[in-house]
Amino acid sequence: LLSRGLGDVYKRQQEVQADQGAKAEGELADGVYTGTGKGMEGLVTVKLLVQDNRISCLETAQEGESQSRGGYEAIRDGRFAAMIEAAQGAGIDAISGATITTAGVRQAVEDALSQAEAAAAKQEQGGFR
């Protein structure tokens, strides 16, 4: 019953719309990057596709989050993925009942994007741009 009730809360929240023309800040190398962060009861993982400085969230996952946690539902129903794409980065709003999981998702996005920034800097040094 608890997870069903949380699902109803998420359905009532407004839809997250990504601006199709928006791009991430900074210089990011194209590629697929996986980042991790700490959720309420385990690791949160995001897999991001960076293409022409535009971020697409390919996957969000968690290890050990129980169904009674708000973050479980938000990861499962794709809400975090939509928020990442709309923000084009880690600057996502906290989800009610999932504050710690939201922080873990932000941390995972920052981890993945730091890899993309490092790859762009390496390409720049190597004269690939």
N, C-alpha and C. Protein backbone atom coordinates (compact mmCIF):
# COMPACT_ATOMS: atom_id res chain seq x y z
N LEU A 1 0.80 -1.20 0.00
CA LEU A 1 0.00 0.00 0.00
C LEU A 1 0.84 1.26 0.00
N LEU A 2 1.96 1.24 0.75
CA LEU A 2 2.79 2.43 0.84
C LEU A 2 3.37 2.82 -0.52
N SER A 3 3.93 1.85 -1.25
CA SER A 3 4.52 2.20 -2.54
C SER A 3 3.44 2.62 -3.54
N ARG A 4 2.26 2.04 -3.43
CA ARG A 4 1.17 2.45 -4.32
C ARG A 4 0.78 3.89 -4.03
N GLY A 5 0.71 4.25 -2.74
CA GLY A 5 0.39 5.62 -2.37
C GLY A 5 1.43 6.61 -2.87
N LEU A 6 2.71 6.23 -2.78
CA LEU A 6 3.77 7.10 -3.28
C LEU A 6 3.66 7.27 -4.79
N GLY A 7 3.30 6.19 -5.49
CA GLY A 7 3.13 6.27 -6.94
C GLY A 7 2.06 7.27 -7.32
N ASP A 8 0.96 7.30 -6.54
CA ASP A 8 -0.10 8.26 -6.79
C ASP A 8 0.40 9.69 -6.61
N VAL A 9 1.26 9.91 -5.61
CA VAL A 9 1.83 11.24 -5.39
C VAL A 9 2.65 11.66 -6.60
N TYR A 10 3.49 10.76 -7.12
CA TYR A 10 4.33 11.09 -8.27
C TYR A 10 3.49 11.37 -9.51
N LYS A 11 2.41 10.64 -9.69
CA LYS A 11 1.56 10.86 -10.86
C LYS A 11 0.90 12.23 -10.83
N ARG A 12 0.63 12.72 -9.61
CA ARG A 12 -0.01 14.02 -9.49
C ARG A 12 0.97 15.17 -9.68
N GLN A 13 2.26 14.90 -9.52
CA GLN A 13 3.24 15.97 -9.71
C GLN A 13 3.26 16.36 -11.19
N GLN A 14 3.60 17.61 -11.43
CA GLN A 14 3.57 18.08 -12.82
C GLN A 14 4.58 17.34 -13.69
N GLU A 15 4.24 17.23 -14.95
CA GLU A 15 5.10 16.57 -15.92
C GLU A 15 6.38 17.39 -16.09
N VAL A 16 7.48 16.71 -16.25
CA VAL A 16 8.76 17.38 -16.49
C VAL A 16 8.98 17.39 -18.00
N GLN A 17 9.14 18.58 -18.55
CA GLN A 17 9.34 18.73 -19.99
C GLN A 17 10.76 19.20 -20.27
N ALA A 18 11.47 18.45 -21.08
CA ALA A 18 12.83 18.84 -21.46
C ALA A 18 12.76 19.75 -22.68
N ASP A 19 13.55 20.82 -22.66
CA ASP A 19 13.70 21.71 -23.81
C ASP A 19 14.63 20.99 -24.78
N GLN A 20 14.11 20.62 -25.92
CA GLN A 20 14.87 19.83 -26.88
C GLN A 20 16.11 20.56 -27.40
N GLY A 21 16.14 21.88 -27.29
CA GLY A 21 17.29 22.64 -27.75
C GLY A 21 18.31 22.93 -26.66
N ALA A 22 17.96 22.63 -25.41
CA ALA A 22 18.85 22.93 -24.29
C ALA A 22 20.10 22.05 -24.34
N LYS A 23 21.20 22.63 -23.89
CA LYS A 23 22.46 21.89 -23.83
C LYS A 23 23.10 22.07 -22.47
N ALA A 24 23.95 21.14 -22.12
CA ALA A 24 24.66 21.19 -20.85
C ALA A 24 25.69 22.31 -20.88
N GLU A 25 26.00 22.83 -19.69
CA GLU A 25 27.04 23.85 -19.57
C GLU A 25 28.40 23.18 -19.58
N GLY A 26 29.41 23.93 -19.94
CA GLY A 26 30.76 23.39 -19.94
C GLY A 26 31.07 22.64 -21.22
N GLU A 27 32.26 22.14 -21.30
CA GLU A 27 32.72 21.39 -22.48
C GLU A 27 32.70 19.90 -22.14
N LEU A 28 31.85 19.15 -22.84
CA LEU A 28 31.70 17.71 -22.60
C LEU A 28 32.06 16.92 -23.85
N ALA A 29 32.81 15.85 -23.66
CA ALA A 29 33.14 14.97 -24.79
C ALA A 29 31.97 14.03 -25.05
N ASP A 30 31.69 13.79 -26.31
CA ASP A 30 30.64 12.83 -26.67
C ASP A 30 30.99 11.45 -26.14
N GLY A 31 29.96 10.71 -25.74
CA GLY A 31 30.17 9.34 -25.27
C GLY A 31 29.12 8.95 -24.26
N VAL A 32 29.26 7.74 -23.73
CA VAL A 32 28.37 7.22 -22.70
C VAL A 32 29.17 7.17 -21.40
N TYR A 33 28.61 7.76 -20.35
CA TYR A 33 29.30 7.86 -19.06
C TYR A 33 28.39 7.34 -17.95
N THR A 34 28.96 6.58 -17.04
CA THR A 34 28.22 6.03 -15.91
C THR A 34 28.77 6.63 -14.63
N GLY A 35 27.87 7.17 -13.82
CA GLY A 35 28.25 7.75 -12.54
C GLY A 35 27.51 7.09 -11.41
N THR A 36 28.08 7.16 -10.21
CA THR A 36 27.44 6.58 -9.04
C THR A 36 27.35 7.60 -7.91
N GLY A 37 26.36 7.42 -7.07
CA GLY A 37 26.16 8.25 -5.89
C GLY A 37 25.54 7.39 -4.80
N LYS A 38 25.47 7.94 -3.60
CA LYS A 38 24.96 7.18 -2.46
C LYS A 38 23.50 7.53 -2.21
N GLY A 39 22.64 6.51 -2.29
CA GLY A 39 21.22 6.68 -1.99
C GLY A 39 20.94 6.36 -0.53
N MET A 40 19.68 6.18 -0.21
CA MET A 40 19.28 5.92 1.17
C MET A 40 19.83 4.59 1.68
N GLU A 41 19.74 3.56 0.86
CA GLU A 41 20.13 2.22 1.31
C GLU A 41 21.12 1.54 0.36
N GLY A 42 21.77 2.28 -0.50
CA GLY A 42 22.71 1.68 -1.44
C GLY A 42 23.11 2.67 -2.50
N LEU A 43 23.80 2.17 -3.51
CA LEU A 43 24.29 3.03 -4.59
C LEU A 43 23.21 3.35 -5.61
N VAL A 44 23.28 4.55 -6.14
CA VAL A 44 22.44 4.99 -7.24
C VAL A 44 23.36 5.14 -8.44
N THR A 45 22.95 4.65 -9.59
CA THR A 45 23.75 4.71 -10.80
C THR A 45 22.97 5.39 -11.92
N VAL A 46 23.64 6.27 -12.66
CA VAL A 46 23.04 6.85 -13.86
C VAL A 46 23.97 6.60 -15.04
N LYS A 47 23.38 6.33 -16.17
CA LYS A 47 24.14 6.18 -17.41
C LYS A 47 23.67 7.28 -18.35
N LEU A 48 24.60 8.15 -18.74
CA LEU A 48 24.28 9.31 -19.56
C LEU A 48 24.93 9.21 -20.93
N LEU A 49 24.20 9.61 -21.95
CA LEU A 49 24.74 9.76 -23.29
C LEU A 49 24.95 11.25 -23.51
N VAL A 50 26.17 11.63 -23.85
CA VAL A 50 26.47 13.02 -24.18
C VAL A 50 26.74 13.08 -25.67
N GLN A 51 26.00 13.95 -26.34
CA GLN A 51 26.17 14.11 -27.79
C GLN A 51 25.97 15.58 -28.12
N ASP A 52 27.01 16.21 -28.65
CA ASP A 52 26.96 17.65 -28.98
C ASP A 52 26.55 18.48 -27.77
N ASN A 53 27.11 18.15 -26.60
CA ASN A 53 26.86 18.84 -25.33
C ASN A 53 25.40 18.72 -24.87
N ARG A 54 24.68 17.76 -25.39
CA ARG A 54 23.31 17.48 -24.96
C ARG A 54 23.31 16.17 -24.19
N ILE A 55 22.67 16.16 -23.03
CA ILE A 55 22.63 14.98 -22.16
C ILE A 55 21.31 14.24 -22.35
N SER A 56 21.41 12.95 -22.57
CA SER A 56 20.26 12.05 -22.56
C SER A 56 20.51 11.02 -21.47
N CYS A 57 19.52 10.77 -20.64
CA CYS A 57 19.67 9.79 -19.58
C CYS A 57 19.23 8.43 -20.11
N LEU A 58 20.19 7.52 -20.24
CA LEU A 58 19.89 6.19 -20.76
C LEU A 58 19.33 5.26 -19.69
N GLU A 59 19.79 5.47 -18.43
CA GLU A 59 19.37 4.56 -17.38
C GLU A 59 19.60 5.18 -16.01
N THR A 60 18.67 4.93 -15.10
CA THR A 60 18.86 5.22 -13.68
C THR A 60 18.57 3.92 -12.95
N ALA A 61 19.38 3.59 -11.98
CA ALA A 61 19.20 2.34 -11.24
C ALA A 61 19.66 2.53 -9.81
N GLN A 62 19.21 1.64 -8.93
CA GLN A 62 19.66 1.68 -7.56
C GLN A 62 19.87 0.25 -7.06
N GLU A 63 20.78 0.16 -6.12
CA GLU A 63 21.04 -1.12 -5.47
C GLU A 63 20.60 -0.99 -4.02
N GLY A 64 19.67 -1.82 -3.60
CA GLY A 64 19.32 -1.87 -2.19
C GLY A 64 18.22 -0.93 -1.74
N GLU A 65 17.71 -0.06 -2.59
CA GLU A 65 16.61 0.81 -2.15
C GLU A 65 15.36 -0.05 -2.01
N SER A 66 14.67 0.09 -0.90
CA SER A 66 13.46 -0.69 -0.69
C SER A 66 12.26 0.01 -1.32
N GLN A 67 11.23 -0.76 -1.59
CA GLN A 67 10.04 -0.21 -2.23
C GLN A 67 9.32 0.80 -1.35
N SER A 68 9.62 0.80 -0.07
CA SER A 68 8.95 1.75 0.83
C SER A 68 9.62 3.12 0.78
N ARG A 69 10.68 3.26 0.05
CA ARG A 69 11.38 4.55 -0.05
C ARG A 69 10.86 5.31 -1.27
N GLY A 70 10.75 6.63 -1.13
CA GLY A 70 10.24 7.46 -2.22
C GLY A 70 11.10 7.42 -3.46
N GLY A 71 12.41 7.27 -3.29
CA GLY A 71 13.32 7.24 -4.43
C GLY A 71 13.16 6.02 -5.30
N TYR A 72 12.73 4.91 -4.72
CA TYR A 72 12.52 3.68 -5.49
C TYR A 72 11.53 3.93 -6.63
N GLU A 73 10.43 4.53 -6.30
CA GLU A 73 9.38 4.78 -7.28
C GLU A 73 9.85 5.78 -8.34
N ALA A 74 10.56 6.83 -7.93
CA ALA A 74 11.02 7.86 -8.86
C ALA A 74 12.06 7.32 -9.84
N ILE A 75 12.88 6.39 -9.39
CA ILE A 75 13.85 5.77 -10.30
C ILE A 75 13.12 4.81 -11.24
N ARG A 76 12.23 4.02 -10.67
CA ARG A 76 11.52 3.01 -11.46
C ARG A 76 10.64 3.62 -12.55
N ASP A 77 9.95 4.71 -12.22
CA ASP A 77 9.03 5.28 -13.21
C ASP A 77 9.68 6.28 -14.16
N GLY A 78 11.00 6.48 -14.05
CA GLY A 78 11.72 7.34 -14.99
C GLY A 78 11.67 8.82 -14.65
N ARG A 79 11.12 9.16 -13.50
CA ARG A 79 11.02 10.59 -13.14
C ARG A 79 12.39 11.25 -13.03
N PHE A 80 13.35 10.57 -12.38
CA PHE A 80 14.68 11.15 -12.26
C PHE A 80 15.32 11.32 -13.64
N ALA A 81 15.15 10.35 -14.52
CA ALA A 81 15.72 10.44 -15.87
C ALA A 81 15.17 11.67 -16.60
N ALA A 82 13.87 11.89 -16.50
CA ALA A 82 13.25 13.05 -17.15
C ALA A 82 13.76 14.35 -16.54
N MET A 83 13.96 14.37 -15.23
CA MET A 83 14.44 15.58 -14.56
C MET A 83 15.89 15.89 -14.98
N ILE A 84 16.71 14.87 -15.11
CA ILE A 84 18.11 15.06 -15.53
C ILE A 84 18.14 15.66 -16.93
N GLU A 85 17.33 15.12 -17.84
CA GLU A 85 17.29 15.63 -19.20
C GLU A 85 16.76 17.05 -19.26
N ALA A 86 15.75 17.36 -18.46
CA ALA A 86 15.20 18.72 -18.44
C ALA A 86 16.23 19.71 -17.90
N ALA A 87 16.98 19.31 -16.88
CA ALA A 87 17.98 20.19 -16.27
C ALA A 87 19.27 20.24 -17.06
N GLN A 88 19.49 19.23 -17.93
CA GLN A 88 20.75 19.10 -18.65
C GLN A 88 21.94 19.13 -17.68
N GLY A 89 21.76 18.43 -16.56
CA GLY A 89 22.81 18.35 -15.56
C GLY A 89 22.27 17.84 -14.24
N ALA A 90 23.02 18.10 -13.18
CA ALA A 90 22.68 17.58 -11.86
C ALA A 90 21.74 18.51 -11.08
N GLY A 91 21.39 19.65 -11.63
CA GLY A 91 20.56 20.63 -10.92
C GLY A 91 19.09 20.27 -10.92
N ILE A 92 18.76 19.11 -10.35
CA ILE A 92 17.37 18.67 -10.31
C ILE A 92 16.75 19.01 -8.95
N ASP A 93 15.45 19.19 -8.94
CA ASP A 93 14.73 19.46 -7.70
C ASP A 93 14.59 18.18 -6.90
N ALA A 94 14.54 18.33 -5.58
CA ALA A 94 14.31 17.17 -4.71
C ALA A 94 12.88 16.69 -4.87
N ILE A 95 12.71 15.40 -4.78
CA ILE A 95 11.38 14.80 -4.83
C ILE A 95 10.95 14.54 -3.40
N SER A 96 9.73 14.94 -3.07
CA SER A 96 9.20 14.74 -1.73
C SER A 96 9.27 13.27 -1.34
N GLY A 97 9.84 12.99 -0.19
CA GLY A 97 9.98 11.62 0.28
C GLY A 97 11.20 10.91 -0.26
N ALA A 98 11.99 11.61 -1.08
CA ALA A 98 13.16 11.00 -1.70
C ALA A 98 14.36 11.94 -1.67
N THR A 99 14.50 12.70 -0.60
CA THR A 99 15.55 13.70 -0.51
C THR A 99 16.94 13.09 -0.61
N ILE A 100 17.18 12.01 0.11
CA ILE A 100 18.51 11.38 0.10
C ILE A 100 18.78 10.71 -1.24
N THR A 101 17.78 10.06 -1.81
CA THR A 101 17.95 9.45 -3.12
C THR A 101 18.20 10.52 -4.18
N THR A 102 17.50 11.65 -4.08
CA THR A 102 17.73 12.76 -5.01
C THR A 102 19.18 13.23 -4.92
N ALA A 103 19.69 13.35 -3.71
CA ALA A 103 21.10 13.75 -3.53
C ALA A 103 22.03 12.73 -4.17
N GLY A 104 21.70 11.44 -4.05
CA GLY A 104 22.50 10.39 -4.68
C GLY A 104 22.46 10.47 -6.19
N VAL A 105 21.30 10.79 -6.74
CA VAL A 105 21.17 10.95 -8.20
C VAL A 105 22.00 12.14 -8.66
N ARG A 106 21.92 13.25 -7.93
CA ARG A 106 22.74 14.43 -8.27
C ARG A 106 24.22 14.07 -8.26
N GLN A 107 24.63 13.36 -7.22
CA GLN A 107 26.03 12.95 -7.08
C GLN A 107 26.44 12.05 -8.27
N ALA A 108 25.57 11.14 -8.66
CA ALA A 108 25.86 10.24 -9.78
C ALA A 108 25.97 11.01 -11.10
N VAL A 109 25.09 11.98 -11.31
CA VAL A 109 25.15 12.81 -12.52
C VAL A 109 26.44 13.61 -12.54
N GLU A 110 26.79 14.21 -11.40
CA GLU A 110 28.04 14.98 -11.33
C GLU A 110 29.24 14.09 -11.62
N ASP A 111 29.21 12.86 -11.12
CA ASP A 111 30.30 11.90 -11.37
C ASP A 111 30.42 11.60 -12.87
N ALA A 112 29.30 11.31 -13.51
CA ALA A 112 29.32 11.01 -14.94
C ALA A 112 29.78 12.22 -15.76
N LEU A 113 29.28 13.40 -15.41
CA LEU A 113 29.66 14.60 -16.17
C LEU A 113 31.10 15.00 -15.95
N SER A 114 31.65 14.71 -14.77
CA SER A 114 33.07 15.01 -14.54
C SER A 114 33.93 14.13 -15.45
N GLN A 115 33.48 12.92 -15.72
CA GLN A 115 34.20 12.05 -16.66
C GLN A 115 34.14 12.62 -18.07
N ALA A 116 32.97 13.15 -18.45
CA ALA A 116 32.81 13.75 -19.78
C ALA A 116 33.66 15.01 -19.92
N GLU A 117 33.75 15.79 -18.84
CA GLU A 117 34.59 17.00 -18.86
C GLU A 117 36.07 16.64 -18.95
N ALA A 118 36.48 15.61 -18.20
CA ALA A 118 37.88 15.17 -18.24
C ALA A 118 38.23 14.65 -19.64
N ALA A 119 37.31 13.93 -20.26
CA ALA A 119 37.55 13.42 -21.61
C ALA A 119 37.66 14.57 -22.61
N ALA A 120 36.85 15.61 -22.44
CA ALA A 120 36.92 16.78 -23.33
C ALA A 120 38.24 17.51 -23.15
N ALA A 121 38.70 17.65 -21.90
CA ALA A 121 39.97 18.31 -21.64
C ALA A 121 41.13 17.53 -22.24
N LYS A 122 41.04 16.21 -22.15
CA LYS A 122 42.09 15.35 -22.71
C LYS A 122 42.11 15.47 -24.24
N GLN A 123 40.93 15.52 -24.85
CA GLN A 123 40.85 15.70 -26.30
C GLN A 123 41.44 17.04 -26.71
N GLU A 124 41.13 18.05 -25.91
CA GLU A 124 41.63 19.40 -26.19
C GLU A 124 43.16 19.42 -26.14
N GLN A 125 43.73 18.78 -25.14
CA GLN A 125 45.19 18.72 -24.99
C GLN A 125 45.83 17.94 -26.13
N GLY A 126 45.13 16.93 -26.58
CA GLY A 126 45.66 16.08 -27.66
C GLY A 126 45.47 16.68 -29.04
N GLY A 127 44.78 17.83 -29.11
CA GLY A 127 44.59 18.49 -30.39
C GLY A 127 43.50 17.87 -31.25
N PHE A 128 42.56 17.15 -30.62
CA PHE A 128 41.50 16.51 -31.38
C PHE A 128 40.39 17.46 -31.72
N ARG A 129 40.37 18.64 -31.17
CA ARG A 129 39.27 19.58 -31.42
C ARG A 129 39.69 20.70 -32.32
